[in-house]
């Protein structure tokens, strides 16, 4: 049986203005996880996602790579309990 979980990933580096949010959304949707991605006011990107832990681990691996235009310097990851608060994965401003 799969384990449901929640992950918060704070992505640092050159990740704004390089289609990083579109990339993250595409990966998350392909993995079937729910949540959101958004730019942070002081730079960086935040990803909140829920679903099967194996799928979330793959999402984090992809976030560490990013799209070709990005330069990911660091991804801070925090795991927590599944809440069921998301109905889909979306890109937020």
N, C-alpha and C. Protein backbone atom coordinates (compact mmCIF):
# COMPACT_ATOMS: atom_id res chain seq x y z
N UNK A 1 0.84 -1.18 0.00
CA UNK A 1 0.00 0.00 0.00
C UNK A 1 0.88 1.24 0.00
N UNK A 2 0.48 2.25 -0.74
CA UNK A 2 1.27 3.46 -0.83
C UNK A 2 1.07 4.34 0.39
N UNK A 3 2.11 5.07 0.72
CA UNK A 3 2.07 5.99 1.85
C UNK A 3 1.82 7.39 1.33
N UNK A 4 0.78 8.05 1.84
CA UNK A 4 0.48 9.42 1.45
C UNK A 4 1.26 10.38 2.33
N UNK A 5 1.74 11.47 1.74
CA UNK A 5 2.56 12.42 2.47
C UNK A 5 2.40 13.81 1.89
N UNK A 6 2.99 14.78 2.57
CA UNK A 6 3.00 16.19 2.15
C UNK A 6 4.46 16.63 2.13
N UNK A 7 4.83 17.37 1.09
CA UNK A 7 6.19 17.90 1.02
C UNK A 7 6.14 19.40 0.73
N UNK A 8 7.02 20.12 1.39
CA UNK A 8 7.26 21.53 1.11
C UNK A 8 8.68 21.63 0.60
N UNK A 9 8.84 22.20 -0.59
CA UNK A 9 10.18 22.35 -1.17
C UNK A 9 10.41 23.83 -1.48
N UNK A 10 11.46 24.37 -0.92
CA UNK A 10 11.87 25.75 -1.19
C UNK A 10 13.08 25.67 -2.11
N UNK A 11 12.91 26.19 -3.32
CA UNK A 11 13.93 26.07 -4.36
C UNK A 11 14.67 27.39 -4.49
N UNK A 12 15.99 27.35 -4.38
CA UNK A 12 16.84 28.55 -4.42
C UNK A 12 17.73 28.50 -5.66
N UNK A 13 18.05 29.67 -6.17
CA UNK A 13 18.92 29.78 -7.34
C UNK A 13 18.27 30.68 -8.37
N UNK A 14 18.70 30.51 -9.62
CA UNK A 14 18.11 31.28 -10.72
C UNK A 14 16.91 30.48 -11.22
N UNK A 15 15.75 30.69 -10.55
CA UNK A 15 14.57 29.88 -10.84
C UNK A 15 13.33 30.73 -11.15
N UNK A 16 13.49 32.03 -11.24
CA UNK A 16 12.37 32.88 -11.65
C UNK A 16 12.66 33.43 -13.04
N UNK A 17 11.61 33.51 -13.86
CA UNK A 17 11.78 34.00 -15.22
C UNK A 17 12.39 32.99 -16.18
N UNK A 18 12.40 31.72 -15.78
CA UNK A 18 12.99 30.67 -16.61
C UNK A 18 12.02 29.49 -16.79
N UNK A 19 10.73 29.75 -16.61
CA UNK A 19 9.67 28.74 -16.77
C UNK A 19 9.76 27.62 -15.74
N UNK A 20 10.32 27.93 -14.57
CA UNK A 20 10.45 26.91 -13.53
C UNK A 20 9.09 26.47 -13.02
N UNK A 21 8.16 27.42 -12.81
CA UNK A 21 6.84 27.05 -12.31
C UNK A 21 6.10 26.15 -13.31
N UNK A 22 6.21 26.45 -14.60
CA UNK A 22 5.58 25.62 -15.62
C UNK A 22 6.19 24.22 -15.60
N UNK A 23 7.51 24.17 -15.49
CA UNK A 23 8.22 22.89 -15.40
C UNK A 23 7.73 22.08 -14.20
N UNK A 24 7.69 22.72 -13.03
CA UNK A 24 7.27 22.02 -11.80
C UNK A 24 5.83 21.53 -11.92
N UNK A 25 4.98 22.34 -12.49
CA UNK A 25 3.58 21.96 -12.67
C UNK A 25 3.45 20.76 -13.60
N UNK A 26 4.18 20.79 -14.69
CA UNK A 26 4.14 19.69 -15.66
C UNK A 26 4.59 18.38 -15.01
N UNK A 27 5.68 18.44 -14.25
CA UNK A 27 6.20 17.23 -13.58
C UNK A 27 5.19 16.73 -12.55
N UNK A 28 4.67 17.64 -11.73
CA UNK A 28 3.73 17.25 -10.69
C UNK A 28 2.48 16.59 -11.28
N UNK A 29 1.96 17.20 -12.33
CA UNK A 29 0.76 16.63 -12.97
C UNK A 29 1.05 15.27 -13.57
N UNK A 30 2.22 15.10 -14.17
CA UNK A 30 2.56 13.80 -14.76
C UNK A 30 2.70 12.72 -13.69
N UNK A 31 3.06 13.13 -12.48
CA UNK A 31 3.21 12.18 -11.37
C UNK A 31 1.90 11.96 -10.61
N UNK A 32 0.91 12.79 -10.90
CA UNK A 32 -0.39 12.64 -10.25
C UNK A 32 -0.44 13.19 -8.83
N UNK A 33 0.42 14.15 -8.51
CA UNK A 33 0.38 14.76 -7.18
C UNK A 33 -0.38 16.08 -7.25
N UNK A 34 -0.85 16.53 -6.10
CA UNK A 34 -1.65 17.75 -6.01
C UNK A 34 -0.94 18.78 -5.16
N UNK A 35 -1.23 20.06 -5.43
CA UNK A 35 -0.64 21.13 -4.65
C UNK A 35 -0.47 22.37 -5.47
N UNK A 36 0.64 23.09 -5.25
CA UNK A 36 0.89 24.30 -6.02
C UNK A 36 2.36 24.64 -6.06
N UNK A 37 2.69 25.53 -7.00
CA UNK A 37 4.03 26.11 -7.10
C UNK A 37 3.84 27.61 -7.23
N UNK A 38 4.70 28.38 -6.56
CA UNK A 38 4.62 29.84 -6.66
C UNK A 38 5.98 30.47 -6.47
N UNK A 39 6.14 31.64 -7.11
CA UNK A 39 7.35 32.43 -6.90
C UNK A 39 7.29 33.06 -5.51
N UNK A 40 8.44 33.26 -4.92
CA UNK A 40 8.53 33.94 -3.63
C UNK A 40 8.97 35.38 -3.85
N UNK A 41 8.48 36.31 -3.02
CA UNK A 41 8.78 37.73 -3.22
C UNK A 41 10.27 38.07 -3.25
N UNK A 42 11.06 37.35 -2.49
CA UNK A 42 12.50 37.66 -2.41
C UNK A 42 13.34 36.72 -3.26
N UNK A 43 12.71 36.11 -4.25
CA UNK A 43 13.41 35.15 -5.10
C UNK A 43 13.16 33.74 -4.65
N UNK A 44 13.38 32.82 -5.53
CA UNK A 44 13.14 31.42 -5.22
C UNK A 44 11.71 31.02 -5.54
N UNK A 45 11.46 29.75 -5.37
CA UNK A 45 10.16 29.17 -5.68
C UNK A 45 9.76 28.24 -4.54
N UNK A 46 8.48 28.25 -4.21
CA UNK A 46 7.93 27.34 -3.20
C UNK A 46 7.03 26.32 -3.88
N UNK A 47 7.19 25.07 -3.49
CA UNK A 47 6.32 24.00 -3.97
C UNK A 47 5.72 23.31 -2.75
N UNK A 48 4.40 23.21 -2.74
CA UNK A 48 3.67 22.43 -1.73
C UNK A 48 2.98 21.33 -2.51
N UNK A 49 3.18 20.09 -2.11
CA UNK A 49 2.57 18.99 -2.85
C UNK A 49 2.20 17.84 -1.92
N UNK A 50 1.17 17.12 -2.33
CA UNK A 50 0.72 15.95 -1.58
C UNK A 50 0.44 14.80 -2.54
N UNK A 51 0.59 13.61 -2.01
CA UNK A 51 0.30 12.41 -2.78
C UNK A 51 1.13 11.26 -2.27
N UNK A 52 1.30 10.26 -3.13
CA UNK A 52 2.11 9.09 -2.80
C UNK A 52 3.55 9.52 -2.55
N UNK A 53 4.13 9.07 -1.46
CA UNK A 53 5.47 9.51 -1.09
C UNK A 53 6.51 9.20 -2.17
N UNK A 54 6.40 8.06 -2.82
CA UNK A 54 7.34 7.72 -3.89
C UNK A 54 7.27 8.75 -5.02
N UNK A 55 6.05 9.17 -5.36
CA UNK A 55 5.87 10.18 -6.42
C UNK A 55 6.43 11.52 -5.98
N UNK A 56 6.24 11.87 -4.71
CA UNK A 56 6.76 13.13 -4.19
C UNK A 56 8.29 13.13 -4.17
N UNK A 57 8.88 11.99 -3.86
CA UNK A 57 10.34 11.89 -3.89
C UNK A 57 10.87 12.11 -5.30
N UNK A 58 10.15 11.59 -6.30
CA UNK A 58 10.53 11.82 -7.69
C UNK A 58 10.36 13.29 -8.06
N UNK A 59 9.29 13.90 -7.58
CA UNK A 59 9.08 15.33 -7.81
C UNK A 59 10.26 16.13 -7.27
N UNK A 60 10.69 15.83 -6.07
CA UNK A 60 11.83 16.54 -5.47
C UNK A 60 13.08 16.34 -6.32
N UNK A 61 13.33 15.14 -6.80
CA UNK A 61 14.50 14.89 -7.66
C UNK A 61 14.43 15.77 -8.91
N UNK A 62 13.25 15.89 -9.49
CA UNK A 62 13.10 16.72 -10.69
C UNK A 62 13.24 18.20 -10.36
N UNK A 63 12.75 18.62 -9.19
CA UNK A 63 12.90 20.02 -8.78
C UNK A 63 14.37 20.38 -8.62
N UNK A 64 15.18 19.43 -8.18
CA UNK A 64 16.62 19.66 -8.03
C UNK A 64 17.29 19.88 -9.38
N UNK A 65 16.74 19.30 -10.43
CA UNK A 65 17.28 19.47 -11.78
C UNK A 65 16.76 20.75 -12.42
N UNK A 66 15.45 20.93 -12.39
CA UNK A 66 14.82 22.10 -13.00
C UNK A 66 14.87 22.06 -14.52
N UNK A 67 14.25 23.06 -15.16
CA UNK A 67 14.29 23.15 -16.61
C UNK A 67 15.68 23.59 -17.07
N UNK A 68 15.97 23.46 -18.36
CA UNK A 68 17.32 23.79 -18.86
C UNK A 68 17.77 25.23 -18.56
N UNK A 69 16.85 26.18 -18.53
CA UNK A 69 17.20 27.59 -18.33
C UNK A 69 17.51 27.93 -16.87
N UNK A 70 17.12 27.06 -15.96
CA UNK A 70 17.27 27.33 -14.52
C UNK A 70 18.65 26.93 -14.02
N UNK A 71 19.02 27.53 -12.89
CA UNK A 71 20.22 27.14 -12.17
C UNK A 71 19.81 26.93 -10.71
N UNK A 72 19.51 25.68 -10.38
CA UNK A 72 19.06 25.33 -9.04
C UNK A 72 20.28 25.19 -8.15
N UNK A 73 20.35 26.01 -7.11
CA UNK A 73 21.48 25.97 -6.18
C UNK A 73 21.19 25.10 -4.97
N UNK A 74 19.93 25.10 -4.52
CA UNK A 74 19.60 24.35 -3.30
C UNK A 74 18.09 24.13 -3.26
N UNK A 75 17.68 22.98 -2.74
CA UNK A 75 16.27 22.70 -2.49
C UNK A 75 16.14 22.26 -1.04
N UNK A 76 15.44 23.06 -0.25
CA UNK A 76 15.16 22.72 1.14
C UNK A 76 13.83 21.97 1.19
N UNK A 77 13.86 20.78 1.75
CA UNK A 77 12.69 19.90 1.74
C UNK A 77 12.24 19.64 3.17
N UNK A 78 10.93 19.75 3.37
CA UNK A 78 10.33 19.44 4.68
C UNK A 78 9.15 18.51 4.45
N UNK A 79 9.17 17.37 5.12
CA UNK A 79 8.09 16.38 5.02
C UNK A 79 7.12 16.56 6.17
N UNK A 80 5.85 16.35 5.89
CA UNK A 80 4.83 16.40 6.94
C UNK A 80 3.69 15.46 6.57
N UNK A 81 2.67 15.43 7.42
CA UNK A 81 1.55 14.52 7.21
C UNK A 81 0.64 14.99 6.09
N UNK A 82 0.07 14.04 5.39
CA UNK A 82 -0.90 14.29 4.33
C UNK A 82 -2.12 14.97 4.94
N UNK A 83 -2.64 16.01 4.25
CA UNK A 83 -3.82 16.73 4.75
C UNK A 83 -5.03 16.60 3.84
N UNK A 84 -4.82 16.31 2.56
CA UNK A 84 -5.92 16.23 1.63
C UNK A 84 -6.50 17.58 1.23
N UNK A 85 -5.73 18.65 1.44
CA UNK A 85 -6.24 20.00 1.20
C UNK A 85 -6.26 20.43 -0.26
N UNK A 86 -5.60 19.71 -1.14
CA UNK A 86 -5.51 20.12 -2.54
C UNK A 86 -6.36 19.22 -3.44
N UNK A 87 -6.98 19.83 -4.46
CA UNK A 87 -7.80 19.05 -5.40
C UNK A 87 -7.09 18.87 -6.74
N UNK A 88 -6.07 19.69 -7.01
CA UNK A 88 -5.30 19.59 -8.26
C UNK A 88 -3.95 20.27 -8.02
N UNK A 89 -3.11 20.28 -9.04
CA UNK A 89 -1.85 21.00 -8.94
C UNK A 89 -1.97 22.27 -9.77
N UNK A 90 -1.58 23.41 -9.18
CA UNK A 90 -1.75 24.69 -9.86
C UNK A 90 -0.53 25.58 -9.74
N UNK A 91 -0.43 26.49 -10.68
CA UNK A 91 0.61 27.51 -10.67
C UNK A 91 -0.01 28.77 -10.07
N UNK A 92 0.62 29.27 -9.01
CA UNK A 92 0.16 30.50 -8.38
C UNK A 92 1.13 31.61 -8.69
N UNK A 93 0.63 32.83 -8.65
CA UNK A 93 1.48 34.02 -8.93
C UNK A 93 2.45 34.27 -7.81
